[in-house]
Amino acid sequence: MVYSYQVIIFQTISFVQGTYWSQSIGDKGILYKATKDPYSKLIVQSSTGSKKLFHVPKDRTVIVNRDTVHFLGEMA
């Protein structure tokens, strides 16, 4: 799979239940790390109301800073 860098302004973000994430606070915002092989799932709802499901590779960090999310991922 080819994963691309995503920067999304979002309204809500959901780390899909049943997948594995670690959470920490960093100077760039809240950091979530995908810890399940081969990937974890993330749902992003934009301010327009559209929802998209993304796969995030294992050991990749998702940075949530206010209403912006930065991550490597691929739409599911």
N, C-alpha and C. Protein backbone atom coordinates (compact mmCIF):
# COMPACT_ATOMS: atom_id res chain seq x y z
N MET A 1 0.84 -1.19 0.00
CA MET A 1 0.00 0.00 0.00
C MET A 1 0.88 1.24 0.00
N VAL A 2 0.38 2.29 -0.61
CA VAL A 2 1.07 3.57 -0.61
C VAL A 2 0.30 4.51 0.31
N TYR A 3 0.98 5.03 1.31
CA TYR A 3 0.34 5.93 2.26
C TYR A 3 0.78 7.35 1.97
N SER A 4 -0.14 8.27 2.11
CA SER A 4 0.18 9.67 1.85
C SER A 4 -0.04 10.50 3.10
N TYR A 5 0.64 11.63 3.15
CA TYR A 5 0.55 12.52 4.29
C TYR A 5 -0.74 13.33 4.18
N GLN A 6 -1.52 13.34 5.25
CA GLN A 6 -2.82 14.02 5.25
C GLN A 6 -2.82 15.15 6.28
N VAL A 7 -3.33 16.30 5.90
CA VAL A 7 -3.58 17.39 6.85
C VAL A 7 -5.04 17.78 6.64
N ILE A 8 -5.87 17.55 7.64
CA ILE A 8 -7.31 17.72 7.48
C ILE A 8 -7.84 18.61 8.60
N ILE A 9 -8.63 19.63 8.22
CA ILE A 9 -9.38 20.40 9.21
C ILE A 9 -10.63 19.57 9.51
N PHE A 10 -10.87 19.29 10.79
CA PHE A 10 -11.95 18.36 11.10
C PHE A 10 -12.88 18.92 12.16
N GLN A 11 -14.08 18.34 12.21
CA GLN A 11 -15.05 18.68 13.24
C GLN A 11 -15.02 17.64 14.35
N THR A 12 -15.05 16.37 13.98
CA THR A 12 -14.90 15.30 14.97
C THR A 12 -13.94 14.26 14.41
N ILE A 13 -13.30 13.56 15.32
CA ILE A 13 -12.36 12.51 14.94
C ILE A 13 -12.63 11.31 15.84
N SER A 14 -12.67 10.12 15.27
CA SER A 14 -12.95 8.90 16.04
C SER A 14 -11.87 7.88 15.78
N PHE A 15 -11.28 7.36 16.86
CA PHE A 15 -10.34 6.26 16.75
C PHE A 15 -11.16 5.00 16.92
N VAL A 16 -11.28 4.22 15.86
CA VAL A 16 -12.26 3.15 15.77
C VAL A 16 -12.05 2.14 16.89
N GLN A 17 -13.16 1.83 17.58
CA GLN A 17 -13.14 0.88 18.67
C GLN A 17 -12.69 -0.48 18.15
N GLY A 18 -11.89 -1.16 18.91
CA GLY A 18 -11.39 -2.46 18.49
C GLY A 18 -10.02 -2.39 17.85
N THR A 19 -9.54 -1.18 17.56
CA THR A 19 -8.16 -1.03 17.11
C THR A 19 -7.36 -0.43 18.26
N TYR A 20 -6.07 -0.36 18.11
CA TYR A 20 -5.21 -0.05 19.24
C TYR A 20 -4.45 1.25 19.03
N TRP A 21 -4.54 2.13 20.02
CA TRP A 21 -3.87 3.42 19.97
C TRP A 21 -3.23 3.70 21.32
N SER A 22 -2.07 4.34 21.30
CA SER A 22 -1.51 4.89 22.53
C SER A 22 -1.67 6.42 22.43
N GLN A 23 -1.83 7.07 23.56
CA GLN A 23 -2.08 8.50 23.57
C GLN A 23 -1.04 9.20 24.45
N SER A 24 -0.57 10.35 23.99
CA SER A 24 0.34 11.17 24.79
C SER A 24 0.16 12.63 24.41
N ILE A 25 0.68 13.50 25.24
CA ILE A 25 0.62 14.93 24.98
C ILE A 25 2.02 15.39 24.58
N GLY A 26 2.12 16.10 23.46
CA GLY A 26 3.40 16.62 23.01
C GLY A 26 3.31 18.11 22.78
N ASP A 27 4.41 18.72 22.41
CA ASP A 27 4.41 20.17 22.18
C ASP A 27 3.63 20.55 20.92
N LYS A 28 3.36 19.57 20.05
CA LYS A 28 2.60 19.85 18.82
C LYS A 28 1.11 19.58 18.98
N GLY A 29 0.71 19.01 20.10
CA GLY A 29 -0.70 18.69 20.33
C GLY A 29 -0.84 17.33 20.97
N ILE A 30 -2.00 16.72 20.79
CA ILE A 30 -2.24 15.37 21.31
C ILE A 30 -1.73 14.37 20.27
N LEU A 31 -0.94 13.42 20.73
CA LEU A 31 -0.33 12.44 19.83
C LEU A 31 -0.97 11.08 20.06
N TYR A 32 -1.44 10.48 18.98
CA TYR A 32 -1.96 9.11 19.03
C TYR A 32 -1.05 8.26 18.17
N LYS A 33 -0.66 7.10 18.66
CA LYS A 33 0.20 6.22 17.88
C LYS A 33 -0.53 4.92 17.60
N ALA A 34 -0.55 4.53 16.33
CA ALA A 34 -1.17 3.27 15.92
C ALA A 34 -0.26 2.13 16.36
N THR A 35 -0.82 1.18 17.13
CA THR A 35 0.01 0.11 17.67
C THR A 35 -0.43 -1.28 17.23
N LYS A 36 -1.37 -1.36 16.32
CA LYS A 36 -1.87 -2.65 15.85
C LYS A 36 -1.33 -2.95 14.47
N ASP A 37 -0.85 -4.18 14.27
CA ASP A 37 -0.31 -4.58 12.98
C ASP A 37 -1.45 -5.10 12.10
N PRO A 38 -1.56 -4.73 10.84
CA PRO A 38 -0.65 -3.83 10.12
C PRO A 38 -1.08 -2.36 10.18
N TYR A 39 -2.33 -2.07 10.56
CA TYR A 39 -2.77 -0.67 10.63
C TYR A 39 -3.93 -0.53 11.60
N SER A 40 -4.18 0.71 12.00
CA SER A 40 -5.34 1.04 12.80
C SER A 40 -6.26 1.94 11.99
N LYS A 41 -7.49 2.09 12.45
CA LYS A 41 -8.48 2.85 11.67
C LYS A 41 -8.86 4.14 12.36
N LEU A 42 -9.15 5.13 11.55
CA LEU A 42 -9.46 6.47 12.02
C LEU A 42 -10.61 7.02 11.19
N ILE A 43 -11.64 7.55 11.83
CA ILE A 43 -12.74 8.20 11.11
C ILE A 43 -12.64 9.70 11.33
N VAL A 44 -12.63 10.47 10.23
CA VAL A 44 -12.55 11.92 10.31
C VAL A 44 -13.83 12.50 9.72
N GLN A 45 -14.51 13.35 10.49
CA GLN A 45 -15.68 14.05 9.98
C GLN A 45 -15.31 15.51 9.78
N SER A 46 -15.48 16.00 8.56
CA SER A 46 -15.10 17.37 8.25
C SER A 46 -16.19 18.33 8.69
N SER A 47 -15.91 19.62 8.60
CA SER A 47 -16.89 20.63 8.99
C SER A 47 -18.10 20.64 8.06
N THR A 48 -17.97 20.03 6.88
CA THR A 48 -19.11 19.93 5.96
C THR A 48 -20.01 18.75 6.31
N GLY A 49 -19.56 17.91 7.26
CA GLY A 49 -20.36 16.77 7.69
C GLY A 49 -19.99 15.47 7.03
N SER A 50 -19.09 15.48 6.03
CA SER A 50 -18.72 14.23 5.37
C SER A 50 -17.75 13.45 6.27
N LYS A 51 -17.93 12.12 6.29
CA LYS A 51 -17.09 11.24 7.09
C LYS A 51 -16.24 10.38 6.18
N LYS A 52 -14.97 10.21 6.55
CA LYS A 52 -14.07 9.36 5.78
C LYS A 52 -13.33 8.44 6.73
N LEU A 53 -13.16 7.18 6.32
CA LEU A 53 -12.42 6.19 7.08
C LEU A 53 -11.02 6.08 6.50
N PHE A 54 -10.01 6.13 7.37
CA PHE A 54 -8.62 6.02 6.94
C PHE A 54 -7.95 4.86 7.65
N HIS A 55 -7.00 4.24 6.97
CA HIS A 55 -6.11 3.26 7.57
C HIS A 55 -4.82 3.99 7.91
N VAL A 56 -4.33 3.82 9.13
CA VAL A 56 -3.07 4.42 9.56
C VAL A 56 -2.08 3.30 9.83
N PRO A 57 -0.90 3.33 9.21
CA PRO A 57 0.06 2.24 9.40
C PRO A 57 0.52 2.11 10.85
N LYS A 58 0.87 0.88 11.23
CA LYS A 58 1.39 0.62 12.57
C LYS A 58 2.63 1.48 12.83
N ASP A 59 2.75 1.95 14.07
CA ASP A 59 3.87 2.77 14.54
C ASP A 59 3.91 4.16 13.92
N ARG A 60 2.82 4.60 13.32
CA ARG A 60 2.73 5.98 12.83
C ARG A 60 1.98 6.82 13.84
N THR A 61 2.36 8.08 13.94
CA THR A 61 1.75 8.98 14.91
C THR A 61 0.75 9.89 14.23
N VAL A 62 -0.42 10.05 14.85
CA VAL A 62 -1.45 10.99 14.40
C VAL A 62 -1.38 12.18 15.34
N ILE A 63 -1.19 13.37 14.80
CA ILE A 63 -1.10 14.58 15.61
C ILE A 63 -2.41 15.34 15.51
N VAL A 64 -3.06 15.59 16.65
CA VAL A 64 -4.31 16.36 16.69
C VAL A 64 -4.00 17.68 17.38
N ASN A 65 -4.14 18.78 16.63
CA ASN A 65 -3.84 20.11 17.15
C ASN A 65 -5.06 20.99 16.90
N ARG A 66 -5.84 21.24 17.96
CA ARG A 66 -7.09 21.99 17.87
C ARG A 66 -8.02 21.34 16.86
N ASP A 67 -8.26 21.97 15.72
CA ASP A 67 -9.18 21.38 14.74
C ASP A 67 -8.47 20.88 13.49
N THR A 68 -7.18 20.56 13.63
CA THR A 68 -6.41 20.04 12.50
C THR A 68 -5.79 18.71 12.90
N VAL A 69 -5.86 17.75 11.99
CA VAL A 69 -5.23 16.44 12.23
C VAL A 69 -4.19 16.19 11.14
N HIS A 70 -2.99 15.74 11.53
CA HIS A 70 -1.89 15.46 10.63
C HIS A 70 -1.57 13.97 10.76
N PHE A 71 -1.50 13.25 9.66
CA PHE A 71 -1.17 11.83 9.74
C PHE A 71 -0.81 11.27 8.38
N LEU A 72 -0.12 10.13 8.42
CA LEU A 72 0.09 9.32 7.22
C LEU A 72 -1.07 8.33 7.18
N GLY A 73 -1.73 8.24 6.07
CA GLY A 73 -2.85 7.31 6.00
C GLY A 73 -3.36 7.13 4.59
N GLU A 74 -4.26 6.19 4.45
CA GLU A 74 -4.85 5.87 3.16
C GLU A 74 -6.34 5.69 3.37
N MET A 75 -7.14 6.29 2.50
CA MET A 75 -8.59 6.12 2.62
C MET A 75 -8.97 4.66 2.45
N ALA A 76 -9.88 4.20 3.29
CA ALA A 76 -10.32 2.80 3.25
C ALA A 76 -11.47 2.64 2.28
